[in-house]
């Protein structure tokens, strides 16, 4: 039939979010849930954390548009609040 598209969502990580711990948890999840290994992963999408970039540097990596949009909206809201505060002063 063709290659299947699968999505993996990691659960809470009860340790520091270092690139090593992220990679280990990801590989463990793939092995246990998908009965597969990292060599079969075509790419990964994460937020912009440097630990994610380092953990998956050998895979085609894409930043999440939704996360980037969230950051942009928060920045715009902060600027708006700052401007309103200065107008009221």
C-alpha atoms as a PDB file:
ATOM      1  CA  UNK A   1       0.000   0.000   0.000  1.00  0.00           C
ATOM      2  CA  UNK A   2       2.518   2.735   0.747  1.00  0.00           C
ATOM      3  CA  UNK A   3       4.237   4.263   3.697  1.00  0.00           C
ATOM      4  CA  UNK A   4       2.071   5.088   6.680  1.00  0.00           C
ATOM      5  CA  UNK A   5       2.145   8.500   8.288  1.00  0.00           C
ATOM      6  CA  UNK A   6       2.425   8.226  12.042  1.00  0.00           C
ATOM      7  CA  UNK A   7       2.525  10.767  14.814  1.00  0.00           C
ATOM      8  CA  UNK A   8       4.296  10.224  18.098  1.00  0.00           C
ATOM      9  CA  UNK A   9       3.504  12.311  21.149  1.00  0.00           C
ATOM     10  CA  UNK A  10       5.779  11.892  24.115  1.00  0.00           C
ATOM     11  CA  UNK A  11       4.286  11.943  27.567  1.00  0.00           C
ATOM     12  CA  UNK A  12       5.591  14.066  30.407  1.00  0.00           C
ATOM     13  CA  UNK A  13       9.307  13.717  30.885  1.00  0.00           C
ATOM     14  CA  UNK A  14      10.121  13.440  34.578  1.00  0.00           C
ATOM     15  CA  UNK A  15      13.709  14.604  34.184  1.00  0.00           C
ATOM     16  CA  UNK A  16      15.591  17.595  32.816  1.00  0.00           C
ATOM     17  CA  UNK A  17      14.840  18.291  29.183  1.00  0.00           C
ATOM     18  CA  UNK A  18      18.379  17.845  27.954  1.00  0.00           C
ATOM     19  CA  UNK A  19      19.063  16.761  24.404  1.00  0.00           C
ATOM     20  CA  UNK A  20      20.237  13.393  25.736  1.00  0.00           C
ATOM     21  CA  UNK A  21      17.103  12.723  27.814  1.00  0.00           C
ATOM     22  CA  UNK A  22      14.797  13.849  24.990  1.00  0.00           C
ATOM     23  CA  UNK A  23      16.520  11.617  22.468  1.00  0.00           C
ATOM     24  CA  UNK A  24      16.503   8.648  24.845  1.00  0.00           C
ATOM     25  CA  UNK A  25      12.795   9.063  25.636  1.00  0.00           C
ATOM     26  CA  UNK A  26      11.944   9.442  21.944  1.00  0.00           C
ATOM     27  CA  UNK A  27      13.862   6.338  20.909  1.00  0.00           C
ATOM     28  CA  UNK A  28      12.361   4.350  23.783  1.00  0.00           C
ATOM     29  CA  UNK A  29       8.845   5.389  22.763  1.00  0.00           C
ATOM     30  CA  UNK A  30       9.433   4.412  19.134  1.00  0.00           C
ATOM     31  CA  UNK A  31      10.827   1.059  20.186  1.00  0.00           C
ATOM     32  CA  UNK A  32       8.039   0.249  22.680  1.00  0.00           C
ATOM     33  CA  UNK A  33       4.946   1.663  20.943  1.00  0.00           C
ATOM     34  CA  UNK A  34       5.814   1.357  17.274  1.00  0.00           C
ATOM     35  CA  UNK A  35       8.090  -1.674  17.512  1.00  0.00           C
ATOM     36  CA  UNK A  36      10.502   0.233  15.296  1.00  0.00           C
ATOM     37  CA  UNK A  37      13.712   2.266  15.536  1.00  0.00           C
ATOM     38  CA  UNK A  38      14.954   5.784  14.889  1.00  0.00           C
ATOM     39  CA  UNK A  39      16.357   4.884  11.467  1.00  0.00           C
ATOM     40  CA  UNK A  40      12.793   4.681  10.117  1.00  0.00           C
ATOM     41  CA  UNK A  41      11.845   8.224  11.150  1.00  0.00           C
ATOM     42  CA  UNK A  42      11.471  10.527   8.139  1.00  0.00           C
ATOM     43  CA  UNK A  43      11.464  13.772  10.114  1.00  0.00           C
ATOM     44  CA  UNK A  44      10.472  15.477  13.325  1.00  0.00           C
ATOM     45  CA  UNK A  45       8.616  18.640  14.328  1.00  0.00           C
ATOM     46  CA  UNK A  46       9.233  20.272  17.703  1.00  0.00           C
ATOM     47  CA  UNK A  47       9.270  23.666  19.333  1.00  0.00           C
ATOM     48  CA  UNK A  48      12.360  25.853  18.970  1.00  0.00           C
ATOM     49  CA  UNK A  49      14.192  24.695  22.110  1.00  0.00           C
ATOM     50  CA  UNK A  50      17.895  24.230  21.473  1.00  0.00           C
ATOM     51  CA  UNK A  51      17.770  20.866  23.263  1.00  0.00           C
ATOM     52  CA  UNK A  52      15.292  19.621  20.636  1.00  0.00           C
ATOM     53  CA  UNK A  53      17.493  20.825  17.789  1.00  0.00           C
ATOM     54  CA  UNK A  54      20.498  19.046  19.321  1.00  0.00           C
ATOM     55  CA  UNK A  55      18.598  15.865  20.171  1.00  0.00           C
ATOM     56  CA  UNK A  56      17.380  15.378  16.620  1.00  0.00           C
ATOM     57  CA  UNK A  57      20.180  16.989  14.607  1.00  0.00           C
ATOM     58  CA  UNK A  58      20.563  13.865  12.460  1.00  0.00           C
ATOM     59  CA  UNK A  59      16.889  13.919  11.408  1.00  0.00           C
ATOM     60  CA  UNK A  60      15.117  16.342   9.096  1.00  0.00           C
ATOM     61  CA  UNK A  61      13.875  18.817  11.713  1.00  0.00           C
ATOM     62  CA  UNK A  62      11.076  21.377  11.380  1.00  0.00           C
ATOM     63  CA  UNK A  63      10.026  23.990  13.877  1.00  0.00           C
ATOM     64  CA  UNK A  64       6.348  23.954  14.749  1.00  0.00           C
ATOM     65  CA  UNK A  65       4.484  26.799  13.033  1.00  0.00           C
ATOM     66  CA  UNK A  66       1.906  26.795  15.816  1.00  0.00           C
ATOM     67  CA  UNK A  67       4.573  27.296  18.459  1.00  0.00           C
ATOM     68  CA  UNK A  68       6.190  30.108  16.456  1.00  0.00           C
ATOM     69  CA  UNK A  69       2.789  31.734  16.027  1.00  0.00           C
ATOM     70  CA  UNK A  70       2.205  31.461  19.775  1.00  0.00           C
ATOM     71  CA  UNK A  71       5.496  33.268  20.424  1.00  0.00           C
ATOM     72  CA  UNK A  72       4.608  36.015  17.934  1.00  0.00           C
ATOM     73  CA  UNK A  73       1.154  36.581  19.479  1.00  0.00           C
ATOM     74  CA  UNK A  74       2.643  36.758  22.983  1.00  0.00           C
ATOM     75  CA  UNK A  75       5.203  39.284  21.776  1.00  0.00           C
ATOM     76  CA  UNK A  76       2.486  41.403  20.123  1.00  0.00           C
ATOM     77  CA  UNK A  77       0.407  41.313  23.315  1.00  0.00           C
ATOM     78  CA  UNK A  78       3.394  42.433  25.379  1.00  0.00           C
ATOM     79  CA  UNK A  79       4.057  45.346  23.037  1.00  0.00           C
ATOM     80  CA  UNK A  80       0.376  46.321  23.115  1.00  0.00           C
ATOM     81  CA  UNK A  81       0.301  46.282  26.933  1.00  0.00           C
ATOM     82  CA  UNK A  82       3.512  48.317  27.064  1.00  0.00           C
ATOM     83  CA  UNK A  83       2.121  50.934  24.676  1.00  0.00           C
ATOM     84  CA  UNK A  84      -1.194  51.148  26.562  1.00  0.00           C
ATOM     85  CA  UNK A  85       0.651  51.556  29.855  1.00  0.00           C
ATOM     86  CA  UNK A  86       2.767  54.384  28.440  1.00  0.00           C
ATOM     87  CA  UNK A  87      -0.287  56.150  26.962  1.00  0.00           C
ATOM     88  CA  UNK A  88      -2.048  56.022  30.343  1.00  0.00           C
ATOM     89  CA  UNK A  89       0.986  57.463  32.160  1.00  0.00           C
END
